[in-house]
Amino acid sequence: MTQDNLDKDQIILGYWNIRGLVEPSRLILQYTKTPYTDKMYQVGDAPEYNRDEWLGEKFKLGL
């Protein structure tokens, strides 16, 4: 899904741009044809694993 068709009530699936545990959630959303936006956060190289992109957005989400 692209940012152009982002609906106010649309799910935003956010995860790091690394291989991980989000794939089952993504597959369920696709299987059920649920509209969603896939938000990938950049993570830095080892050993620091910079998380600035995520930390810059984390507290603005209103969760």
PDB file of N, CA and C in Angstrom:
ATOM      1  N   MET A   1       0.846  -1.177   0.000  1.00  0.00           N
ATOM      2  CA  MET A   1       0.000   0.000   0.000  1.00  0.00           C
ATOM      3  C   MET A   1       0.892   1.242   0.000  1.00  0.00           C
ATOM      4  N   THR A   2       0.417   2.271  -0.602  1.00  0.00           N
ATOM      5  CA  THR A   2       1.202   3.496  -0.671  1.00  0.00           C
ATOM      6  C   THR A   2       0.616   4.557   0.231  1.00  0.00           C
ATOM      7  N   GLN A   3       1.382   5.594   0.455  1.00  0.00           N
ATOM      8  CA  GLN A   3       0.939   6.707   1.287  1.00  0.00           C
ATOM      9  C   GLN A   3      -0.228   7.435   0.633  1.00  0.00           C
ATOM     10  N   ASP A   4      -0.348   7.382  -0.695  1.00  0.00           N
ATOM     11  CA  ASP A   4      -1.420   8.077  -1.408  1.00  0.00           C
ATOM     12  C   ASP A   4      -2.800   7.557  -1.029  1.00  0.00           C
ATOM     13  N   ASN A   5      -2.919   6.261  -0.798  1.00  0.00           N
ATOM     14  CA  ASN A   5      -4.225   5.709  -0.477  1.00  0.00           C
ATOM     15  C   ASN A   5      -4.386   5.444   1.015  1.00  0.00           C
ATOM     16  N   LEU A   6      -3.634   6.155   1.845  1.00  0.00           N
ATOM     17  CA  LEU A   6      -3.708   5.997   3.288  1.00  0.00           C
ATOM     18  C   LEU A   6      -5.015   6.566   3.810  1.00  0.00           C
ATOM     19  N   ASP A   7      -5.826   5.725   4.411  1.00  0.00           N
ATOM     20  CA  ASP A   7      -7.096   6.111   4.997  1.00  0.00           C
ATOM     21  C   ASP A   7      -6.876   6.372   6.483  1.00  0.00           C
ATOM     22  N   LYS A   8      -7.703   7.231   7.056  1.00  0.00           N
ATOM     23  CA  LYS A   8      -7.588   7.564   8.474  1.00  0.00           C
ATOM     24  C   LYS A   8      -7.711   6.321   9.349  1.00  0.00           C
ATOM     25  N   ASP A   9      -8.572   5.388   8.964  1.00  0.00           N
ATOM     26  CA  ASP A   9      -8.805   4.183   9.749  1.00  0.00           C
ATOM     27  C   ASP A   9      -7.963   2.996   9.292  1.00  0.00           C
ATOM     28  N   GLN A  10      -7.067   3.218   8.379  1.00  0.00           N
ATOM     29  CA  GLN A  10      -6.247   2.137   7.831  1.00  0.00           C
ATOM     30  C   GLN A  10      -5.168   1.733   8.830  1.00  0.00           C
ATOM     31  N   ILE A  11      -4.878   0.455   8.883  1.00  0.00           N
ATOM     32  CA  ILE A  11      -3.838  -0.072   9.761  1.00  0.00           C
ATOM     33  C   ILE A  11      -2.472   0.332   9.228  1.00  0.00           C
ATOM     34  N   ILE A  12      -1.587   0.717  10.137  1.00  0.00           N
ATOM     35  CA  ILE A  12      -0.188   0.968   9.783  1.00  0.00           C
ATOM     36  C   ILE A  12       0.626  -0.117  10.472  1.00  0.00           C
ATOM     37  N   LEU A  13       1.263  -0.941   9.682  1.00  0.00           N
ATOM     38  CA  LEU A  13       2.083  -2.024  10.197  1.00  0.00           C
ATOM     39  C   LEU A  13       3.529  -1.544  10.196  1.00  0.00           C
ATOM     40  N   GLY A  14       4.043  -1.233  11.367  1.00  0.00           N
ATOM     41  CA  GLY A  14       5.400  -0.714  11.483  1.00  0.00           C
ATOM     42  C   GLY A  14       6.356  -1.754  12.029  1.00  0.00           C
ATOM     43  N   TYR A  15       7.536  -1.847  11.405  1.00  0.00           N
ATOM     44  CA  TYR A  15       8.539  -2.801  11.850  1.00  0.00           C
ATOM     45  C   TYR A  15       9.898  -2.368  11.307  1.00  0.00           C
ATOM     46  N   TRP A  16      10.948  -2.949  11.838  1.00  0.00           N
ATOM     47  CA  TRP A  16      12.295  -2.653  11.365  1.00  0.00           C
ATOM     48  C   TRP A  16      12.495  -3.217   9.962  1.00  0.00           C
ATOM     49  N   ASN A  17      13.455  -2.664   9.228  1.00  0.00           N
ATOM     50  CA  ASN A  17      13.746  -3.150   7.872  1.00  0.00           C
ATOM     51  C   ASN A  17      14.699  -4.346   7.911  1.00  0.00           C
ATOM     52  N   ILE A  18      14.453  -5.232   8.841  1.00  0.00           N
ATOM     53  CA  ILE A  18      15.256  -6.447   8.989  1.00  0.00           C
ATOM     54  C   ILE A  18      14.319  -7.654   8.965  1.00  0.00           C
ATOM     55  N   ARG A  19      14.885  -8.805   8.733  1.00  0.00           N
ATOM     56  CA  ARG A  19      14.091 -10.031   8.787  1.00  0.00           C
ATOM     57  C   ARG A  19      13.622 -10.218  10.229  1.00  0.00           C
ATOM     58  N   GLY A  20      12.378 -10.510  10.405  1.00  0.00           N
ATOM     59  CA  GLY A  20      11.893 -10.652  11.768  1.00  0.00           C
ATOM     60  C   GLY A  20      10.532 -11.292  11.866  1.00  0.00           C
ATOM     61  N   LEU A  21       9.829 -10.946  12.915  1.00  0.00           N
ATOM     62  CA  LEU A  21       8.592 -11.618  13.267  1.00  0.00           C
ATOM     63  C   LEU A  21       7.338 -10.983  12.696  1.00  0.00           C
ATOM     64  N   VAL A  22       7.455  -9.966  11.858  1.00  0.00           N
ATOM     65  CA  VAL A  22       6.274  -9.276  11.349  1.00  0.00           C
ATOM     66  C   VAL A  22       5.628  -9.992  10.160  1.00  0.00           C
ATOM     67  N   GLU A  23       6.331 -10.877   9.516  1.00  0.00           N
ATOM     68  CA  GLU A  23       5.807 -11.492   8.290  1.00  0.00           C
ATOM     69  C   GLU A  23       4.471 -12.212   8.478  1.00  0.00           C
ATOM     70  N   PRO A  24       4.239 -12.973   9.556  1.00  0.00           N
ATOM     71  CA  PRO A  24       2.915 -13.584   9.727  1.00  0.00           C
ATOM     72  C   PRO A  24       1.790 -12.546   9.793  1.00  0.00           C
ATOM     73  N   SER A  25       2.023 -11.426  10.438  1.00  0.00           N
ATOM     74  CA  SER A  25       1.013 -10.361  10.494  1.00  0.00           C
ATOM     75  C   SER A  25       0.748  -9.799   9.109  1.00  0.00           C
ATOM     76  N   ARG A  26       1.793  -9.604   8.352  1.00  0.00           N
ATOM     77  CA  ARG A  26       1.653  -9.088   6.985  1.00  0.00           C
ATOM     78  C   ARG A  26       0.857 -10.072   6.112  1.00  0.00           C
ATOM     79  N   LEU A  27       1.145 -11.348   6.242  1.00  0.00           N
ATOM     80  CA  LEU A  27       0.434 -12.367   5.465  1.00  0.00           C
ATOM     81  C   LEU A  27      -1.050 -12.429   5.828  1.00  0.00           C
ATOM     82  N   ILE A  28      -1.369 -12.300   7.104  1.00  0.00           N
ATOM     83  CA  ILE A  28      -2.776 -12.296   7.527  1.00  0.00           C
ATOM     84  C   ILE A  28      -3.503 -11.095   6.947  1.00  0.00           C
ATOM     85  N   LEU A  29      -2.878  -9.926   6.984  1.00  0.00           N
ATOM     86  CA  LEU A  29      -3.502  -8.727   6.419  1.00  0.00           C
ATOM     87  C   LEU A  29      -3.740  -8.895   4.919  1.00  0.00           C
ATOM     88  N   GLN A  30      -2.790  -9.468   4.226  1.00  0.00           N
ATOM     89  CA  GLN A  30      -2.954  -9.685   2.788  1.00  0.00           C
ATOM     90  C   GLN A  30      -4.019 -10.744   2.506  1.00  0.00           C
ATOM     91  N   TYR A  31      -4.021 -11.807   3.265  1.00  0.00           N
ATOM     92  CA  TYR A  31      -4.991 -12.885   3.057  1.00  0.00           C
ATOM     93  C   TYR A  31      -6.420 -12.398   3.269  1.00  0.00           C
ATOM     94  N   THR A  32      -6.623 -11.545   4.280  1.00  0.00           N
ATOM     95  CA  THR A  32      -7.960 -11.030   4.583  1.00  0.00           C
ATOM     96  C   THR A  32      -8.297  -9.791   3.770  1.00  0.00           C
ATOM     97  N   LYS A  33      -7.392  -9.391   2.883  1.00  0.00           N
ATOM     98  CA  LYS A  33      -7.582  -8.205   2.036  1.00  0.00           C
ATOM     99  C   LYS A  33      -7.857  -6.949   2.862  1.00  0.00           C
ATOM    100  N   THR A  34      -7.200  -6.867   4.011  1.00  0.00           N
ATOM    101  CA  THR A  34      -7.310  -5.705   4.883  1.00  0.00           C
ATOM    102  C   THR A  34      -6.358  -4.629   4.384  1.00  0.00           C
ATOM    103  N   PRO A  35      -6.869  -3.426   4.114  1.00  0.00           N
ATOM    104  CA  PRO A  35      -5.970  -2.362   3.666  1.00  0.00           C
ATOM    105  C   PRO A  35      -5.007  -1.962   4.792  1.00  0.00           C
ATOM    106  N   TYR A  36      -3.756  -1.854   4.455  1.00  0.00           N
ATOM    107  CA  TYR A  36      -2.757  -1.456   5.450  1.00  0.00           C
ATOM    108  C   TYR A  36      -1.601  -0.755   4.760  1.00  0.00           C
ATOM    109  N   THR A  37      -0.837  -0.038   5.567  1.00  0.00           N
ATOM    110  CA  THR A  37       0.379   0.607   5.097  1.00  0.00           C
ATOM    111  C   THR A  37       1.552  -0.066   5.786  1.00  0.00           C
ATOM    112  N   ASP A  38       2.538  -0.460   5.029  1.00  0.00           N
ATOM    113  CA  ASP A  38       3.725  -1.116   5.544  1.00  0.00           C
ATOM    114  C   ASP A  38       4.781  -0.049   5.813  1.00  0.00           C
ATOM    115  N   LYS A  39       5.038   0.255   7.078  1.00  0.00           N
ATOM    116  CA  LYS A  39       6.019   1.278   7.458  1.00  0.00           C
ATOM    117  C   LYS A  39       7.274   0.575   7.942  1.00  0.00           C
ATOM    118  N   MET A  40       8.361   0.747   7.193  1.00  0.00           N
ATOM    119  CA  MET A  40       9.626   0.114   7.547  1.00  0.00           C
ATOM    120  C   MET A  40      10.563   1.148   8.157  1.00  0.00           C
ATOM    121  N   TYR A  41      11.033   0.889   9.367  1.00  0.00           N
ATOM    122  CA  TYR A  41      11.962   1.778  10.052  1.00  0.00           C
ATOM    123  C   TYR A  41      13.390   1.303   9.812  1.00  0.00           C
ATOM    124  N   GLN A  42      14.276   2.227   9.528  1.00  0.00           N
ATOM    125  CA  GLN A  42      15.679   1.901   9.296  1.00  0.00           C
ATOM    126  C   GLN A  42      16.365   1.619  10.630  1.00  0.00           C
ATOM    127  N   VAL A  43      17.243   0.650  10.626  1.00  0.00           N
ATOM    128  CA  VAL A  43      18.049   0.332  11.797  1.00  0.00           C
ATOM    129  C   VAL A  43      19.507   0.371  11.357  1.00  0.00           C
ATOM    130  N   GLY A  44      20.346   0.935  12.209  1.00  0.00           N
ATOM    131  CA  GLY A  44      21.753   1.087  11.859  1.00  0.00           C
ATOM    132  C   GLY A  44      22.529  -0.217  11.932  1.00  0.00           C
ATOM    133  N   ASP A  45      23.764  -0.128  11.539  1.00  0.00           N
ATOM    134  CA  ASP A  45      24.641  -1.296  11.540  1.00  0.00           C
ATOM    135  C   ASP A  45      25.102  -1.642  12.955  1.00  0.00           C
ATOM    136  N   ALA A  46      25.531  -2.883  13.117  1.00  0.00           N
ATOM    137  CA  ALA A  46      26.063  -3.357  14.394  1.00  0.00           C
ATOM    138  C   ALA A  46      27.372  -2.639  14.692  1.00  0.00           C
ATOM    139  N   PRO A  47      27.757  -2.464  15.898  1.00  0.00           N
ATOM    140  CA  PRO A  47      27.097  -2.913  17.123  1.00  0.00           C
ATOM    141  C   PRO A  47      26.132  -1.871  17.704  1.00  0.00           C
ATOM    142  N   GLU A  48      26.031  -0.685  17.101  1.00  0.00           N
ATOM    143  CA  GLU A  48      25.186   0.366  17.674  1.00  0.00           C
ATOM    144  C   GLU A  48      23.699   0.151  17.402  1.00  0.00           C
ATOM    145  N   TYR A  49      23.360  -0.339  16.200  1.00  0.00           N
ATOM    146  CA  TYR A  49      21.964  -0.518  15.795  1.00  0.00           C
ATOM    147  C   TYR A  49      21.169   0.766  16.014  1.00  0.00           C
ATOM    148  N   ASN A  50      21.595   1.815  15.348  1.00  0.00           N
ATOM    149  CA  ASN A  50      20.979   3.133  15.479  1.00  0.00           C
ATOM    150  C   ASN A  50      19.471   3.055  15.260  1.00  0.00           C
ATOM    151  N   ARG A  51      18.706   3.617  16.215  1.00  0.00           N
ATOM    152  CA  ARG A  51      17.242   3.578  16.157  1.00  0.00           C
ATOM    153  C   ARG A  51      16.644   4.972  16.062  1.00  0.00           C
ATOM    154  N   ASP A  52      17.392   5.950  15.593  1.00  0.00           N
ATOM    155  CA  ASP A  52      16.932   7.341  15.581  1.00  0.00           C
ATOM    156  C   ASP A  52      15.630   7.543  14.819  1.00  0.00           C
ATOM    157  N   GLU A  53      15.454   6.867  13.688  1.00  0.00           N
ATOM    158  CA  GLU A  53      14.227   7.040  12.906  1.00  0.00           C
ATOM    159  C   GLU A  53      13.008   6.627  13.727  1.00  0.00           C
ATOM    160  N   TRP A  54      13.098   5.478  14.395  1.00  0.00           N
ATOM    161  CA  TRP A  54      11.984   5.001  15.216  1.00  0.00           C
ATOM    162  C   TRP A  54      11.780   5.888  16.438  1.00  0.00           C
ATOM    163  N   LEU A  55      12.843   6.237  17.123  1.00  0.00           N
ATOM    164  CA  LEU A  55      12.712   7.045  18.331  1.00  0.00           C
ATOM    165  C   LEU A  55      12.193   8.441  18.025  1.00  0.00           C
ATOM    166  N   GLY A  56      12.459   8.952  16.830  1.00  0.00           N
ATOM    167  CA  GLY A  56      11.945  10.254  16.434  1.00  0.00           C
ATOM    168  C   GLY A  56      10.446  10.249  16.197  1.00  0.00           C
ATOM    169  N   GLU A  57       9.874   9.099  15.933  1.00  0.00           N
ATOM    170  CA  GLU A  57       8.444   8.990  15.645  1.00  0.00           C
ATOM    171  C   GLU A  57       7.652   8.349  16.782  1.00  0.00           C
ATOM    172  N   LYS A  58       8.304   7.565  17.592  1.00  0.00           N
ATOM    173  CA  LYS A  58       7.661   6.742  18.616  1.00  0.00           C
ATOM    174  C   LYS A  58       6.718   7.526  19.526  1.00  0.00           C
ATOM    175  N   PHE A  59       7.163   8.628  20.052  1.00  0.00           N
ATOM    176  CA  PHE A  59       6.374   9.355  21.040  1.00  0.00           C
ATOM    177  C   PHE A  59       5.360  10.304  20.410  1.00  0.00           C
ATOM    178  N   LYS A  60       5.315  10.353  19.090  1.00  0.00           N
ATOM    179  CA  LYS A  60       4.344  11.194  18.382  1.00  0.00           C
ATOM    180  C   LYS A  60       3.142  10.392  17.890  1.00  0.00           C
ATOM    181  N   LEU A  61       3.108   9.104  18.162  1.00  0.00           N
ATOM    182  CA  LEU A  61       2.068   8.236  17.634  1.00  0.00           C
ATOM    183  C   LEU A  61       0.750   8.338  18.392  1.00  0.00           C
ATOM    184  N   GLY A  62       0.774   8.848  19.603  1.00  0.00           N
ATOM    185  CA  GLY A  62      -0.450   8.983  20.377  1.00  0.00           C
ATOM    186  C   GLY A  62      -1.005   7.663  20.877  1.00  0.00           C
ATOM    187  N   LEU A  63      -0.134   6.747  21.177  1.00  0.00           N
ATOM    188  CA  LEU A  63      -0.582   5.435  21.668  1.00  0.00           C
ATOM    189  C   LEU A  63      -0.752   5.455  23.167  1.00  0.00           C
TER     190      LEU A  63
END
